[in-house]
Amino acid sequence: MKIKAMHRDNWKEIIEKEYRIKAPLYGKGAVSLLKIKKVSQTVKFTYLNGEDFIIADPNYYWLTIAYENTPYWITAFFSPDHRLIQIYIDLIDSTDFSCKENPTMIDMYIDVIIEMNTYHTIDMDEFEQAYFDQQITREQYEHTLEAYRNLCTLLDKDLEGFITKVEKEFASFF
């Protein structure tokens, strides 16, 4: 299992950043905003339609939301002009809020990506392999699959509302 921190120190391309954390608008937990100041290199990915996009370059923003008792973390990438680029959702086992300035989570491999008003799933193969290799228990496996199905149901019912909440969390920092 991978443990990830909200501060995102594991991203070696990010040389300098500003980091703020506060309570979320919706529910309990933590929401952070990372403003990238300097990178060693631009970080790009590709949308499903083949178009490249940037997630890490000077003046780009990463918003991370961790709600208490929610089996996923939400990371949203925003451009310098505050345009939403992509939402990346990590399915998780748990969140540790004991370090108020830098909560951590146990990543359960499955990721849901929202882009261009649709969503898709990646890394299901990594999740299955982790279970096969006994890196996760049967209980974690079943709990994560249930959380995944519930998240997909939520997104099917109100994807636009989900995106709007993320954008409002971002706007609350300005």
Protein backbone atom coordinates (compact mmCIF):
# COMPACT_ATOMS: atom_id res chain seq x y z
CA MET A 1 0.00 0.00 0.00
CA LYS A 2 1.06 3.54 -0.69
CA ILE A 3 0.84 6.25 1.95
CA LYS A 4 0.37 9.72 0.48
CA ALA A 5 0.52 13.09 2.22
CA MET A 6 -1.56 16.15 1.45
CA HIS A 7 1.56 18.33 1.27
CA ARG A 8 2.67 16.37 -1.85
CA ASP A 9 6.37 16.36 -1.02
CA ASN A 10 6.79 13.23 -3.16
CA TRP A 11 6.49 15.26 -6.39
CA LYS A 12 10.17 15.84 -7.19
CA GLU A 13 9.34 18.14 -10.12
CA ILE A 14 7.93 20.74 -7.71
CA ILE A 15 10.89 22.77 -6.44
CA GLU A 16 9.03 25.57 -4.66
CA LYS A 17 5.38 25.93 -3.58
CA GLU A 18 2.99 27.76 -1.29
CA TYR A 19 0.77 25.54 0.83
CA ARG A 20 -2.35 26.41 2.81
CA ILE A 21 -4.78 24.14 4.63
CA LYS A 22 -8.16 24.75 6.24
CA ALA A 23 -11.50 23.16 7.06
CA PRO A 24 -13.66 22.31 4.05
CA LEU A 25 -16.91 24.09 3.18
CA TYR A 26 -18.80 20.78 3.11
CA GLY A 27 -18.49 18.51 6.14
CA LYS A 28 -15.45 17.88 8.31
CA GLY A 29 -11.91 17.10 7.28
CA ALA A 30 -9.25 19.16 5.52
CA VAL A 31 -8.82 20.98 2.25
CA SER A 32 -5.46 22.26 1.05
CA LEU A 33 -4.31 24.49 -1.73
CA LEU A 34 -0.87 24.10 -3.18
CA LYS A 35 0.29 26.89 -5.47
CA ILE A 36 3.27 25.86 -7.55
CA LYS A 37 5.99 28.51 -7.66
CA LYS A 38 8.88 26.72 -9.37
CA VAL A 39 9.32 23.35 -11.13
CA SER A 40 12.31 21.41 -12.42
CA GLN A 41 10.23 20.57 -15.48
CA THR A 42 6.66 21.04 -16.64
CA VAL A 43 4.43 18.05 -15.85
CA LYS A 44 2.00 17.13 -18.64
CA PHE A 45 -0.56 14.40 -19.14
CA THR A 46 -2.94 13.53 -21.94
CA TYR A 47 -6.74 13.64 -21.91
CA LEU A 48 -8.68 10.68 -23.29
CA ASN A 49 -9.19 12.66 -26.52
CA GLY A 50 -5.41 12.83 -27.02
CA GLU A 51 -5.01 16.50 -26.08
CA ASP A 52 -2.09 17.28 -23.75
CA PHE A 53 -2.60 19.31 -20.60
CA ILE A 54 -0.34 20.71 -17.89
CA ILE A 55 -0.81 20.02 -14.17
CA ALA A 56 2.47 21.36 -12.78
CA ASP A 57 4.10 24.60 -13.85
CA PRO A 58 4.55 27.98 -12.14
CA ASN A 59 1.24 29.46 -10.88
CA TYR A 60 -0.74 26.23 -11.29
CA TYR A 61 -2.83 25.09 -8.32
CA TRP A 62 -3.56 21.73 -6.73
CA LEU A 63 -6.58 21.55 -4.47
CA THR A 64 -6.79 18.45 -2.27
CA ILE A 65 -9.93 17.57 -0.30
CA ALA A 66 -10.12 14.91 2.41
CA TYR A 67 -13.51 14.65 4.07
CA GLU A 68 -13.78 12.68 7.31
CA ASN A 69 -15.39 9.26 6.91
CA THR A 70 -15.14 9.43 3.12
CA PRO A 71 -13.25 6.62 1.35
CA TYR A 72 -11.54 8.87 -1.18
CA TRP A 73 -9.42 11.98 -1.58
CA ILE A 74 -10.13 14.51 -4.29
CA THR A 75 -7.32 16.39 -6.04
CA ALA A 76 -8.28 19.06 -8.55
CA PHE A 77 -5.81 20.77 -10.85
CA PHE A 78 -6.37 24.40 -11.80
CA SER A 79 -4.60 26.64 -14.32
CA PRO A 80 -3.08 30.03 -13.42
CA ASP A 81 -6.35 31.68 -14.52
CA HIS A 82 -8.29 29.38 -12.09
CA ARG A 83 -9.75 27.15 -14.83
CA LEU A 84 -10.43 23.58 -13.70
CA ILE A 85 -8.21 21.19 -15.67
CA GLN A 86 -8.97 17.80 -14.13
CA ILE A 87 -10.26 16.12 -10.97
CA TYR A 88 -8.36 13.06 -9.77
CA ILE A 89 -9.97 10.89 -7.08
CA ASP A 90 -7.92 8.38 -5.10
CA LEU A 91 -9.88 5.56 -3.46
CA ILE A 92 -8.40 5.13 0.00
CA ASP A 93 -8.42 2.82 3.00
CA SER A 94 -8.25 5.60 5.60
CA THR A 95 -7.12 9.14 6.38
CA ASP A 96 -4.91 10.10 9.31
CA PHE A 97 -5.77 13.64 10.41
CA SER A 98 -3.43 13.58 13.45
CA CYS A 99 -0.99 15.96 11.74
CA LYS A 100 -3.32 18.92 11.18
CA GLU A 101 -1.01 20.59 8.67
CA ASN A 102 -0.37 17.49 6.57
CA PRO A 103 -2.97 14.68 6.73
CA THR A 104 -2.01 11.37 5.15
CA MET A 105 -3.95 8.56 3.52
CA ILE A 106 -3.52 4.95 2.58
CA ASP A 107 -4.06 4.70 -1.17
CA MET A 108 -6.00 1.70 -2.44
CA TYR A 109 -4.79 2.03 -6.05
CA ILE A 110 -8.13 2.64 -7.84
CA ASP A 111 -8.40 6.16 -9.27
CA VAL A 112 -11.33 7.93 -10.87
CA ILE A 113 -10.58 10.82 -13.20
CA ILE A 114 -13.07 13.53 -14.12
CA GLU A 115 -12.32 15.45 -17.29
CA MET A 116 -14.44 16.99 -20.03
CA ASN A 117 -17.65 16.40 -18.02
CA THR A 118 -17.22 12.65 -17.88
CA TYR A 119 -15.33 10.23 -15.66
CA HIS A 120 -13.28 7.10 -16.12
CA THR A 121 -11.41 4.64 -13.93
CA ILE A 122 -7.73 3.81 -14.00
CA ASP A 123 -5.42 1.45 -12.12
CA MET A 124 -8.03 -1.22 -11.43
CA ASP A 125 -5.33 -3.68 -12.54
CA GLU A 126 -2.97 -2.38 -9.81
CA PHE A 127 -5.74 -2.84 -7.24
CA GLU A 128 -6.39 -6.41 -8.38
CA GLN A 129 -2.65 -7.17 -8.38
CA ALA A 130 -2.27 -5.76 -4.85
CA TYR A 131 -5.01 -8.11 -3.68
CA PHE A 132 -3.48 -11.06 -5.54
CA ASP A 133 -0.07 -10.25 -3.98
CA GLN A 134 -1.70 -9.98 -0.52
CA GLN A 135 -0.69 -6.33 -0.13
CA ILE A 136 -4.30 -5.63 0.83
CA THR A 137 -6.71 -7.78 2.83
CA ARG A 138 -9.99 -9.24 1.63
CA GLU A 139 -11.80 -6.76 3.90
CA GLN A 140 -9.92 -3.82 2.33
CA TYR A 141 -10.61 -5.22 -1.13
CA GLU A 142 -14.35 -5.54 -0.54
CA HIS A 143 -14.60 -2.17 1.24
CA THR A 144 -12.77 -0.42 -1.61
CA LEU A 145 -14.96 -2.02 -4.28
CA GLU A 146 -18.08 -0.94 -2.38
CA ALA A 147 -16.67 2.60 -2.03
CA TYR A 148 -15.87 2.63 -5.76
CA ARG A 149 -19.40 1.55 -6.70
CA ASN A 150 -20.89 4.19 -4.38
CA LEU A 151 -18.66 6.90 -5.86
CA CYS A 152 -19.66 5.93 -9.41
CA THR A 153 -23.33 6.03 -8.39
CA LEU A 154 -22.81 9.52 -6.93
CA LEU A 155 -21.08 10.72 -10.10
CA ASP A 156 -23.74 9.14 -12.32
CA LYS A 157 -26.47 10.96 -10.38
CA ASP A 158 -24.84 14.39 -10.16
CA LEU A 159 -21.46 14.80 -11.83
CA GLU A 160 -22.10 18.50 -12.38
CA GLY A 161 -22.92 19.01 -8.68
CA PHE A 162 -19.76 17.16 -7.67
CA ILE A 163 -17.65 19.38 -9.93
CA THR A 164 -19.38 22.50 -8.62
CA LYS A 165 -18.57 21.58 -5.01
CA VAL A 166 -14.90 21.12 -5.92
CA GLU A 167 -14.85 24.50 -7.68
CA LYS A 168 -16.46 26.16 -4.64
CA GLU A 169 -13.83 24.64 -2.34
CA PHE A 170 -11.17 26.11 -4.64
CA ALA A 171 -12.85 29.53 -4.74
CA SER A 172 -12.99 29.61 -0.93
CA PHE A 173 -9.22 30.20 -0.85
CA PHE A 174 -9.51 33.53 -2.70
